[in-house]
Amino acid sequence: MRYRWGVLAAGLVMTGAALNGIGTASADDGWVTLVDGDKKVEFTEVGKANWAAKDGALSADKLDGKDPSYLVTKTSYKDFQIKAEFWVDDAANSGIFIRCDQSDKIDSNICYEVNIFDKRPDPKYGTGAIVDVAKVDPMPKAGGKWNTYEITAKGTRLTVILNGEKTADVDDSKHAAGPIALQYGSGVVKFKKVQIKPL
């Protein structure tokens, strides 16, 4: 396996260490690893948080400024499956953004946002939902434990499975392809493993 040093953004230094990027794929199963403990693929950071490799996970618990932080892949994806292991506290605001129309500005207007937000004022688009696209009812809780997301985007069909339970299944054609982004908005957020498999 060949390692290379990844750069989040020009001049960005996270707790004194650059991110180690790997982006590896197994020839027999097609999964590409974006995050695996302290190993990460190259990301560009949009907004700033104290992202760091800690206790076998990529984590953040503080913003540097008022805007959320996003770790954005340098690769664009169209049809794919994502498997993600994450831990958040009860106050966390996070999510996995997919098929973003841009890579230098991330929000739910130009991406699909698979939400992680137990305290969202409108719980219909909280944890397990795709914001403004697919509601969840009742909203599951992710705070205080390790969780798994399985996200599939194939053509216009989007499905989300949280901890083995389907929380969203919808047809929508607003966004066809684009990078993936991991969000830090508030609370404590940890991503232990994130993989993607192009379809």
C-alpha atoms as a PDB file:
ATOM      1  CA  MET A   1       0.000   0.000   0.000  1.00  0.00           C
ATOM      2  CA  ARG A   2       1.398   3.353  -1.000  1.00  0.00           C
ATOM      3  CA  TYR A   3       0.833   6.354   1.271  1.00  0.00           C
ATOM      4  CA  ARG A   4       0.889   9.981   0.339  1.00  0.00           C
ATOM      5  CA  TRP A   5       0.457  13.111   2.389  1.00  0.00           C
ATOM      6  CA  GLY A   6      -2.931  14.703   1.850  1.00  0.00           C
ATOM      7  CA  VAL A   7      -3.672  18.367   2.176  1.00  0.00           C
ATOM      8  CA  LEU A   8      -6.955  19.623   3.581  1.00  0.00           C
ATOM      9  CA  ALA A   9      -6.455  23.143   2.258  1.00  0.00           C
ATOM     10  CA  ALA A  10      -3.545  25.402   1.485  1.00  0.00           C
ATOM     11  CA  GLY A  11      -1.719  26.216   4.669  1.00  0.00           C
ATOM     12  CA  LEU A  12      -4.030  24.158   6.868  1.00  0.00           C
ATOM     13  CA  VAL A  13      -2.321  22.393   9.749  1.00  0.00           C
ATOM     14  CA  MET A  14      -4.388  20.210  12.031  1.00  0.00           C
ATOM     15  CA  THR A  15      -2.945  19.831  15.526  1.00  0.00           C
ATOM     16  CA  GLY A  16       0.540  19.936  14.072  1.00  0.00           C
ATOM     17  CA  ALA A  17       0.086  17.072  11.626  1.00  0.00           C
ATOM     18  CA  ALA A  18      -0.938  16.815   7.996  1.00  0.00           C
ATOM     19  CA  LEU A  19      -3.589  14.272   7.111  1.00  0.00           C
ATOM     20  CA  ASN A  20      -2.247  11.020   5.771  1.00  0.00           C
ATOM     21  CA  GLY A  21      -4.191  10.162   2.611  1.00  0.00           C
ATOM     22  CA  ILE A  22      -4.730   6.690   1.217  1.00  0.00           C
ATOM     23  CA  GLY A  23      -7.847   6.303  -0.975  1.00  0.00           C
ATOM     24  CA  THR A  24      -7.394   2.566  -1.418  1.00  0.00           C
ATOM     25  CA  ALA A  25      -9.623   0.126  -3.275  1.00  0.00           C
ATOM     26  CA  SER A  26      -9.691  -3.634  -3.065  1.00  0.00           C
ATOM     27  CA  ALA A  27      -9.633  -5.258  -6.482  1.00  0.00           C
ATOM     28  CA  ASP A  28     -12.235  -7.846  -5.522  1.00  0.00           C
ATOM     29  CA  ASP A  29     -14.894  -5.716  -3.825  1.00  0.00           C
ATOM     30  CA  GLY A  30     -14.545  -2.189  -5.223  1.00  0.00           C
ATOM     31  CA  TRP A  31     -14.784  -0.333  -1.903  1.00  0.00           C
ATOM     32  CA  VAL A  32     -12.670   2.818  -1.590  1.00  0.00           C
ATOM     33  CA  THR A  33     -11.703   3.842   1.940  1.00  0.00           C
ATOM     34  CA  LEU A  34     -12.120   7.555   2.684  1.00  0.00           C
ATOM     35  CA  VAL A  35     -11.613   7.341   6.459  1.00  0.00           C
ATOM     36  CA  ASP A  36     -10.242   4.415   8.466  1.00  0.00           C
ATOM     37  CA  GLY A  37      -9.212   5.364  11.987  1.00  0.00           C
ATOM     38  CA  ASP A  38      -6.213   7.663  11.622  1.00  0.00           C
ATOM     39  CA  LYS A  39      -5.950   7.113   7.852  1.00  0.00           C
ATOM     40  CA  LYS A  40      -7.780   9.478   5.542  1.00  0.00           C
ATOM     41  CA  VAL A  41      -8.090  10.125   1.828  1.00  0.00           C
ATOM     42  CA  GLU A  42      -7.280  13.635   0.599  1.00  0.00           C
ATOM     43  CA  PHE A  43      -9.930  16.169   1.559  1.00  0.00           C
ATOM     44  CA  THR A  44     -10.318  19.880   1.034  1.00  0.00           C
ATOM     45  CA  GLU A  45     -11.686  21.666   4.089  1.00  0.00           C
ATOM     46  CA  VAL A  46     -14.446  24.230   3.562  1.00  0.00           C
ATOM     47  CA  GLY A  47     -14.922  26.185   6.780  1.00  0.00           C
ATOM     48  CA  LYS A  48     -12.689  25.362   9.725  1.00  0.00           C
ATOM     49  CA  ALA A  49     -12.936  23.022  12.714  1.00  0.00           C
ATOM     50  CA  ASN A  50     -10.394  21.254  14.875  1.00  0.00           C
ATOM     51  CA  TRP A  51     -10.514  17.991  12.886  1.00  0.00           C
ATOM     52  CA  ALA A  52      -7.923  15.547  14.236  1.00  0.00           C
ATOM     53  CA  ALA A  53      -7.125  11.852  14.298  1.00  0.00           C
ATOM     54  CA  LYS A  54      -7.897  10.816  17.876  1.00  0.00           C
ATOM     55  CA  ASP A  55      -8.613   7.461  19.526  1.00  0.00           C
ATOM     56  CA  GLY A  56      -8.927   5.663  16.184  1.00  0.00           C
ATOM     57  CA  ALA A  57     -11.368   8.137  14.625  1.00  0.00           C
ATOM     58  CA  LEU A  58     -11.435  11.416  12.729  1.00  0.00           C
ATOM     59  CA  SER A  59     -13.072  13.812  15.169  1.00  0.00           C
ATOM     60  CA  ALA A  60     -13.965  17.444  15.801  1.00  0.00           C
ATOM     61  CA  ASP A  61     -15.548  19.276  18.729  1.00  0.00           C
ATOM     62  CA  LYS A  62     -14.970  22.961  17.981  1.00  0.00           C
ATOM     63  CA  LEU A  63     -15.449  25.365  15.090  1.00  0.00           C
ATOM     64  CA  ASP A  64     -12.942  28.034  14.167  1.00  0.00           C
ATOM     65  CA  GLY A  65     -15.494  30.673  13.204  1.00  0.00           C
ATOM     66  CA  LYS A  66     -19.268  30.595  12.876  1.00  0.00           C
ATOM     67  CA  ASP A  67     -19.711  28.545   9.693  1.00  0.00           C
ATOM     68  CA  PRO A  68     -19.829  24.734   9.684  1.00  0.00           C
ATOM     69  CA  SER A  69     -16.786  22.816   8.518  1.00  0.00           C
ATOM     70  CA  TYR A  70     -16.834  20.267   5.706  1.00  0.00           C
ATOM     71  CA  LEU A  71     -14.225  17.747   4.603  1.00  0.00           C
ATOM     72  CA  VAL A  72     -14.822  17.489   0.851  1.00  0.00           C
ATOM     73  CA  THR A  73     -13.493  14.689  -1.354  1.00  0.00           C
ATOM     74  CA  LYS A  74     -11.408  15.658  -4.350  1.00  0.00           C
ATOM     75  CA  THR A  75     -13.217  12.982  -6.382  1.00  0.00           C
ATOM     76  CA  SER A  76     -16.715  13.348  -7.814  1.00  0.00           C
ATOM     77  CA  TYR A  77     -19.154  10.443  -7.547  1.00  0.00           C
ATOM     78  CA  LYS A  78     -22.366   9.693  -9.458  1.00  0.00           C
ATOM     79  CA  ASP A  79     -23.833   6.293  -8.529  1.00  0.00           C
ATOM     80  CA  PHE A  80     -22.455   4.715  -5.370  1.00  0.00           C
ATOM     81  CA  GLN A  81     -22.918   3.096  -1.982  1.00  0.00           C
ATOM     82  CA  ILE A  82     -21.469   4.576   1.212  1.00  0.00           C
ATOM     83  CA  LYS A  83     -20.836   2.761   4.488  1.00  0.00           C
ATOM     84  CA  ALA A  84     -20.017   5.051   7.420  1.00  0.00           C
ATOM     85  CA  GLU A  85     -19.391   4.440  11.121  1.00  0.00           C
ATOM     86  CA  PHE A  86     -19.880   7.533  13.276  1.00  0.00           C
ATOM     87  CA  TRP A  87     -20.339   8.660  16.867  1.00  0.00           C
ATOM     88  CA  VAL A  88     -21.965  11.901  17.956  1.00  0.00           C
ATOM     89  CA  ASP A  89     -23.055  13.373  21.256  1.00  0.00           C
ATOM     90  CA  ASP A  90     -26.628  14.541  21.840  1.00  0.00           C
ATOM     91  CA  ALA A  91     -25.807  18.141  20.847  1.00  0.00           C
ATOM     92  CA  ALA A  92     -24.073  17.286  17.569  1.00  0.00           C
ATOM     93  CA  ASN A  93     -25.002  18.744  14.212  1.00  0.00           C
ATOM     94  CA  SER A  94     -23.361  16.754  11.440  1.00  0.00           C
ATOM     95  CA  GLY A  95     -24.171  14.915   8.245  1.00  0.00           C
ATOM     96  CA  ILE A  96     -22.896  13.313   5.083  1.00  0.00           C
ATOM     97  CA  PHE A  97     -23.401  15.467   2.002  1.00  0.00           C
ATOM     98  CA  ILE A  98     -23.535  13.706  -1.375  1.00  0.00           C
ATOM     99  CA  ARG A  99     -23.610  14.691  -5.064  1.00  0.00           C
ATOM    100  CA  CYS A 100     -22.644  18.278  -4.299  1.00  0.00           C
ATOM    101  CA  ASP A 101     -22.907  20.682  -7.249  1.00  0.00           C
ATOM    102  CA  GLN A 102     -19.782  22.543  -6.072  1.00  0.00           C
ATOM    103  CA  SER A 103     -16.724  21.657  -4.031  1.00  0.00           C
ATOM    104  CA  ASP A 104     -15.917  25.069  -2.571  1.00  0.00           C
ATOM    105  CA  LYS A 105     -19.336  25.783  -1.021  1.00  0.00           C
ATOM    106  CA  ILE A 106     -21.350  23.086   0.727  1.00  0.00           C
ATOM    107  CA  ASP A 107     -24.941  23.227   1.951  1.00  0.00           C
ATOM    108  CA  SER A 108     -28.230  21.365   1.608  1.00  0.00           C
ATOM    109  CA  ASN A 109     -29.297  23.550  -1.333  1.00  0.00           C
ATOM    110  CA  ILE A 110     -26.535  22.291  -3.613  1.00  0.00           C
ATOM    111  CA  CYS A 111     -26.065  18.774  -2.159  1.00  0.00           C
ATOM    112  CA  TYR A 112     -28.178  16.013  -0.726  1.00  0.00           C
ATOM    113  CA  GLU A 113     -27.668  16.174   3.052  1.00  0.00           C
ATOM    114  CA  VAL A 114     -28.061  12.863   4.873  1.00  0.00           C
ATOM    115  CA  ASN A 115     -28.561  14.411   8.276  1.00  0.00           C
ATOM    116  CA  ILE A 116     -27.119  13.627  11.716  1.00  0.00           C
ATOM    117  CA  PHE A 117     -28.883  16.121  13.976  1.00  0.00           C
ATOM    118  CA  ASP A 118     -30.906  14.740  16.913  1.00  0.00           C
ATOM    119  CA  LYS A 119     -31.743  18.244  18.213  1.00  0.00           C
ATOM    120  CA  ARG A 120     -32.917  19.680  14.896  1.00  0.00           C
ATOM    121  CA  PRO A 121     -35.829  22.068  15.605  1.00  0.00           C
ATOM    122  CA  ASP A 122     -37.862  20.393  12.825  1.00  0.00           C
ATOM    123  CA  PRO A 123     -37.277  16.662  13.454  1.00  0.00           C
ATOM    124  CA  LYS A 124     -38.882  15.644  10.153  1.00  0.00           C
ATOM    125  CA  TYR A 125     -35.509  16.382   8.528  1.00  0.00           C
ATOM    126  CA  GLY A 126     -33.323  15.384  11.483  1.00  0.00           C
ATOM    127  CA  THR A 127     -31.190  12.268  11.886  1.00  0.00           C
ATOM    128  CA  GLY A 128     -31.958   9.682   9.195  1.00  0.00           C
ATOM    129  CA  ALA A 129     -33.581  12.146   6.790  1.00  0.00           C
ATOM    130  CA  ILE A 130     -32.368  13.725   3.561  1.00  0.00           C
ATOM    131  CA  VAL A 131     -32.879  17.417   4.257  1.00  0.00           C
ATOM    132  CA  ASP A 132     -35.765  18.954   2.275  1.00  0.00           C
ATOM    133  CA  VAL A 133     -36.035  15.754   0.170  1.00  0.00           C
ATOM    134  CA  ALA A 134     -37.020  12.772   2.336  1.00  0.00           C
ATOM    135  CA  LYS A 135     -38.619  13.117   5.783  1.00  0.00           C
ATOM    136  CA  VAL A 136     -38.129  10.661   8.624  1.00  0.00           C
ATOM    137  CA  ASP A 137     -40.905   9.744  11.061  1.00  0.00           C
ATOM    138  CA  PRO A 138     -40.267   8.965  13.816  1.00  0.00           C
ATOM    139  CA  MET A 139     -36.778  10.419  13.893  1.00  0.00           C
ATOM    140  CA  PRO A 140     -34.214   7.968  15.321  1.00  0.00           C
ATOM    141  CA  LYS A 141     -31.576   9.125  17.797  1.00  0.00           C
ATOM    142  CA  ALA A 142     -27.855   8.753  17.109  1.00  0.00           C
ATOM    143  CA  GLY A 143     -26.412  10.553  20.149  1.00  0.00           C
ATOM    144  CA  GLY A 144     -24.126   8.803  22.613  1.00  0.00           C
ATOM    145  CA  LYS A 145     -23.379   5.646  20.618  1.00  0.00           C
ATOM    146  CA  TRP A 146     -21.644   4.302  17.531  1.00  0.00           C
ATOM    147  CA  ASN A 147     -23.909   4.213  14.479  1.00  0.00           C
ATOM    148  CA  THR A 148     -23.743   2.974  10.898  1.00  0.00           C
ATOM    149  CA  TYR A 149     -25.080   4.677   7.812  1.00  0.00           C
ATOM    150  CA  GLU A 150     -25.569   2.855   4.522  1.00  0.00           C
ATOM    151  CA  ILE A 151     -26.355   5.344   1.773  1.00  0.00           C
ATOM    152  CA  THR A 152     -27.100   4.349  -1.825  1.00  0.00           C
ATOM    153  CA  ALA A 153     -27.459   6.727  -4.767  1.00  0.00           C
ATOM    154  CA  LYS A 154     -28.287   5.091  -8.093  1.00  0.00           C
ATOM    155  CA  GLY A 155     -29.832   7.204 -10.793  1.00  0.00           C
ATOM    156  CA  THR A 156     -32.608   9.210  -9.165  1.00  0.00           C
ATOM    157  CA  ARG A 157     -33.124   6.687  -6.339  1.00  0.00           C
ATOM    158  CA  LEU A 158     -31.684   7.558  -2.931  1.00  0.00           C
ATOM    159  CA  THR A 159     -31.899   5.251   0.084  1.00  0.00           C
ATOM    160  CA  VAL A 160     -30.625   5.663   3.621  1.00  0.00           C
ATOM    161  CA  ILE A 161     -30.272   2.898   6.219  1.00  0.00           C
ATOM    162  CA  LEU A 162     -29.346   3.846   9.796  1.00  0.00           C
ATOM    163  CA  ASN A 163     -28.312   1.020  12.113  1.00  0.00           C
ATOM    164  CA  GLY A 164     -30.044  -1.535   9.883  1.00  0.00           C
ATOM    165  CA  GLU A 165     -33.343   0.381   9.593  1.00  0.00           C
ATOM    166  CA  LYS A 166     -34.377   2.144   6.390  1.00  0.00           C
ATOM    167  CA  THR A 167     -35.057   5.810   7.172  1.00  0.00           C
ATOM    168  CA  ALA A 168     -35.291   7.312   3.671  1.00  0.00           C
ATOM    169  CA  ASP A 169     -36.189   5.964   0.236  1.00  0.00           C
ATOM    170  CA  VAL A 170     -36.948   8.533  -2.432  1.00  0.00           C
ATOM    171  CA  ASP A 171     -36.664   9.434  -6.118  1.00  0.00           C
ATOM    172  CA  ASP A 172     -35.152  12.857  -6.751  1.00  0.00           C
ATOM    173  CA  SER A 173     -33.211  14.291  -9.685  1.00  0.00           C
ATOM    174  CA  LYS A 174     -31.894  17.635  -8.400  1.00  0.00           C
ATOM    175  CA  HIS A 175     -28.260  16.544  -8.042  1.00  0.00           C
ATOM    176  CA  ALA A 176     -26.716  14.004 -10.424  1.00  0.00           C
ATOM    177  CA  ALA A 177     -23.070  13.803  -9.342  1.00  0.00           C
ATOM    178  CA  GLY A 178     -20.427  15.512  -7.245  1.00  0.00           C
ATOM    179  CA  PRO A 179     -18.067  15.204  -4.301  1.00  0.00           C
ATOM    180  CA  ILE A 180     -18.898  13.801  -0.870  1.00  0.00           C
ATOM    181  CA  ALA A 181     -18.529  15.945   2.271  1.00  0.00           C
ATOM    182  CA  LEU A 182     -18.408  15.150   5.989  1.00  0.00           C
ATOM    183  CA  GLN A 183     -19.833  17.935   8.166  1.00  0.00           C
ATOM    184  CA  TYR A 184     -18.965  19.324  11.559  1.00  0.00           C
ATOM    185  CA  GLY A 185     -21.472  21.870  12.845  1.00  0.00           C
ATOM    186  CA  SER A 186     -21.580  21.492  16.628  1.00  0.00           C
ATOM    187  CA  GLY A 187     -21.157  19.099  19.541  1.00  0.00           C
ATOM    188  CA  VAL A 188     -18.762  16.146  19.265  1.00  0.00           C
ATOM    189  CA  VAL A 189     -18.505  14.305  15.955  1.00  0.00           C
ATOM    190  CA  LYS A 190     -16.360  11.253  15.170  1.00  0.00           C
ATOM    191  CA  PHE A 191     -16.050   9.275  11.962  1.00  0.00           C
ATOM    192  CA  LYS A 192     -14.308   5.928  12.490  1.00  0.00           C
ATOM    193  CA  LYS A 193     -14.712   4.391   9.036  1.00  0.00           C
ATOM    194  CA  VAL A 194     -16.133   5.790   5.801  1.00  0.00           C
ATOM    195  CA  GLN A 195     -16.062   3.785   2.560  1.00  0.00           C
ATOM    196  CA  ILE A 196     -17.572   4.347  -0.881  1.00  0.00           C
ATOM    197  CA  LYS A 197     -18.199   1.903  -3.707  1.00  0.00           C
ATOM    198  CA  PRO A 198     -18.914   3.326  -7.167  1.00  0.00           C
ATOM    199  CA  LEU A 199     -21.769   1.499  -8.914  1.00  0.00           C
END
